[in-house]
């Protein structure tokens, strides 16, 4: 199985919204509320890199030489500089306005998508709450349609949707 890499924008989007494509689109759905702020996601990502829970690879910038290959970024670099982080463009930046000199600059940083998903597990929707809201919003909806809509909206199984339906059909 080939591991999927996410660029920094996809990783931070997953951390903020639970969806790797949300901040890729300038016309994203404005009704989706972030789970955490951009700065919180950046700080959590940098902390995970510093302790070695997430590996990061990128191109080291050094003078006028073009980078030849993507290298693993050492977690010790993030331990040494407590405010060093990765921004959505995939470059190393600092969380605070300070910028120490002699810091290696990295660009094109990518992460293993499985490690990012482990750092920020996707929240599971509350099936019972969804079903209750749906019963209140559409009291005349048929069972199979409601169960199918519940499965689409929450990602639950058919059995879970039927159990939630059975709990609320008497309302």
Protein backbone atom coordinates (compact mmCIF):
# COMPACT_ATOMS: atom_id res chain seq x y z
CA UNK A 1 0.00 0.00 0.00
CA UNK A 2 1.36 3.39 -1.00
CA UNK A 3 1.35 6.02 1.71
CA UNK A 4 -0.44 9.22 0.79
CA UNK A 5 1.35 12.48 1.51
CA UNK A 6 -0.51 15.66 2.28
CA UNK A 7 0.92 19.08 1.70
CA UNK A 8 0.79 21.57 4.57
CA UNK A 9 -2.45 23.14 3.35
CA UNK A 10 -4.21 19.75 3.31
CA UNK A 11 -2.82 18.80 6.74
CA UNK A 12 -3.87 22.10 8.33
CA UNK A 13 -7.28 21.92 6.64
CA UNK A 14 -7.79 18.47 8.18
CA UNK A 15 -6.76 19.85 11.57
CA UNK A 16 -9.13 22.81 11.29
CA UNK A 17 -12.17 21.24 9.58
CA UNK A 18 -11.75 17.44 9.55
CA UNK A 19 -11.55 17.65 5.75
CA UNK A 20 -8.33 17.96 3.78
CA UNK A 21 -9.93 19.98 0.96
CA UNK A 22 -11.78 22.69 2.89
CA UNK A 23 -9.16 25.46 2.81
CA UNK A 24 -8.00 24.53 -0.69
CA UNK A 25 -11.06 26.14 -2.24
CA UNK A 26 -11.45 29.91 -2.05
CA UNK A 27 -15.23 29.37 -2.37
CA UNK A 28 -15.49 26.96 0.54
CA UNK A 29 -18.75 26.53 2.38
CA UNK A 30 -18.78 29.35 4.92
CA UNK A 31 -21.33 27.50 7.08
CA UNK A 32 -18.74 24.92 8.16
CA UNK A 33 -17.28 25.98 11.48
CA UNK A 34 -13.64 25.13 12.16
CA UNK A 35 -12.95 22.60 14.88
CA UNK A 36 -9.87 24.62 15.85
CA UNK A 37 -8.30 27.87 14.70
CA UNK A 38 -5.50 28.08 12.14
CA UNK A 39 -2.99 29.11 14.81
CA UNK A 40 -4.07 26.28 17.14
CA UNK A 41 -3.72 23.78 14.29
CA UNK A 42 -0.24 25.13 13.43
CA UNK A 43 0.85 24.91 17.08
CA UNK A 44 -0.49 21.35 17.49
CA UNK A 45 1.17 20.27 14.24
CA UNK A 46 4.54 21.77 15.25
CA UNK A 47 4.30 20.14 18.69
CA UNK A 48 3.59 16.74 17.10
CA UNK A 49 6.61 17.17 14.81
CA UNK A 50 8.80 18.17 17.77
CA UNK A 51 7.97 15.00 19.75
CA UNK A 52 8.22 12.77 16.66
CA UNK A 53 4.54 11.84 16.31
CA UNK A 54 4.46 13.30 12.80
CA UNK A 55 7.29 13.16 10.32
CA UNK A 56 7.78 16.04 7.94
CA UNK A 57 9.70 16.07 4.68
CA UNK A 58 10.65 19.10 2.64
CA UNK A 59 13.24 20.83 0.51
CA UNK A 60 16.03 22.59 2.39
CA UNK A 61 16.76 26.11 1.14
CA UNK A 62 20.46 26.89 1.22
CA UNK A 63 21.75 29.94 -0.59
CA UNK A 64 21.35 29.97 -4.35
CA UNK A 65 21.47 26.20 -4.78
CA UNK A 66 18.21 24.60 -5.87
CA UNK A 67 17.07 21.69 -3.69
CA UNK A 68 17.74 18.31 -5.24
CA UNK A 69 15.58 16.00 -3.16
CA UNK A 70 13.05 16.08 -0.38
CA UNK A 71 14.63 15.36 3.01
CA UNK A 72 13.20 14.42 6.39
CA UNK A 73 13.08 17.44 8.68
CA UNK A 74 14.61 16.65 12.07
CA UNK A 75 12.27 16.87 15.04
CA UNK A 76 15.19 18.35 17.00
CA UNK A 77 14.92 21.48 14.87
CA UNK A 78 11.40 22.03 16.24
CA UNK A 79 12.61 21.27 19.77
CA UNK A 80 15.46 23.77 19.45
CA UNK A 81 13.21 26.59 18.18
CA UNK A 82 10.02 26.54 20.24
CA UNK A 83 8.18 28.95 17.92
CA UNK A 84 9.18 27.25 14.65
CA UNK A 85 6.11 26.03 12.75
CA UNK A 86 4.86 25.15 9.27
CA UNK A 87 2.42 27.46 7.50
CA UNK A 88 -0.23 26.58 4.92
CA UNK A 89 2.17 27.26 2.04
CA UNK A 90 4.48 24.49 3.28
CA UNK A 91 7.30 26.68 4.53
CA UNK A 92 8.88 26.93 7.94
CA UNK A 93 7.87 30.11 9.73
CA UNK A 94 7.69 31.32 13.30
CA UNK A 95 4.54 31.54 15.39
CA UNK A 96 5.77 34.77 16.93
CA UNK A 97 7.09 37.80 15.06
CA UNK A 98 10.64 36.93 16.14
CA UNK A 99 12.82 35.22 13.56
CA UNK A 100 16.17 33.93 14.79
CA UNK A 101 19.03 33.93 12.33
CA UNK A 102 20.86 30.80 11.15
CA UNK A 103 17.66 28.77 11.05
CA UNK A 104 17.42 26.30 8.19
CA UNK A 105 14.60 27.27 5.84
CA UNK A 106 12.39 24.53 4.41
CA UNK A 107 9.81 24.62 1.65
CA UNK A 108 7.42 22.16 0.01
CA UNK A 109 6.82 20.40 3.32
CA UNK A 110 4.59 17.31 3.23
CA UNK A 111 3.22 14.96 5.87
CA UNK A 112 1.98 11.37 5.97
CA UNK A 113 -1.82 11.61 5.84
CA UNK A 114 -2.25 8.70 8.27
CA UNK A 115 -0.11 10.46 10.87
CA UNK A 116 -2.17 13.65 10.46
CA UNK A 117 -5.41 11.69 10.84
CA UNK A 118 -4.00 10.12 14.02
CA UNK A 119 -3.14 13.57 15.43
CA UNK A 120 -6.61 14.92 14.64
CA UNK A 121 -9.17 12.08 14.47
CA UNK A 122 -12.28 13.04 12.55
CA UNK A 123 -15.09 13.71 15.01
CA UNK A 124 -17.94 11.26 14.70
CA UNK A 125 -21.30 12.93 14.32
CA UNK A 126 -23.96 12.30 16.91
CA UNK A 127 -26.39 10.02 15.09
CA UNK A 128 -29.12 10.38 17.72
CA UNK A 129 -28.94 14.18 17.59
CA UNK A 130 -29.08 14.10 13.77
CA UNK A 131 -32.11 11.80 13.83
CA UNK A 132 -33.91 13.94 16.45
CA UNK A 133 -33.32 17.09 14.38
CA UNK A 134 -34.48 15.31 11.24
CA UNK A 135 -37.68 14.06 12.91
CA UNK A 136 -38.42 17.59 14.07
CA UNK A 137 -37.62 19.14 10.68
CA UNK A 138 -39.34 16.51 8.50
CA UNK A 139 -41.99 14.68 10.55
CA UNK A 140 -43.64 13.03 7.52
CA UNK A 141 -40.46 11.56 5.97
CA UNK A 142 -40.54 7.82 5.22
CA UNK A 143 -38.25 5.44 7.11
CA UNK A 144 -36.00 4.31 4.24
CA UNK A 145 -35.47 7.86 3.03
CA UNK A 146 -34.66 9.06 6.56
CA UNK A 147 -32.25 6.14 7.16
CA UNK A 148 -30.51 6.78 3.82
CA UNK A 149 -30.20 10.49 4.58
CA UNK A 150 -28.81 9.71 8.04
CA UNK A 151 -26.18 7.40 6.56
CA UNK A 152 -25.17 10.07 4.03
CA UNK A 153 -25.02 12.87 6.59
CA UNK A 154 -23.26 11.03 9.43
CA UNK A 155 -21.41 8.18 7.75
CA UNK A 156 -23.07 5.67 10.08
CA UNK A 157 -23.99 2.10 9.20
CA UNK A 158 -27.48 0.98 8.17
CA UNK A 159 -27.88 -0.79 11.52
CA UNK A 160 -26.91 2.36 13.48
CA UNK A 161 -29.33 4.49 11.46
CA UNK A 162 -32.17 2.00 12.03
CA UNK A 163 -31.49 1.96 15.78
CA UNK A 164 -31.57 5.76 15.93
CA UNK A 165 -34.76 5.78 13.83
CA UNK A 166 -36.42 3.27 16.19
CA UNK A 167 -35.55 5.43 19.20
CA UNK A 168 -37.18 8.57 17.73
CA UNK A 169 -40.08 7.32 15.62
CA UNK A 170 -42.45 7.55 18.60
CA UNK A 171 -41.91 11.29 19.00
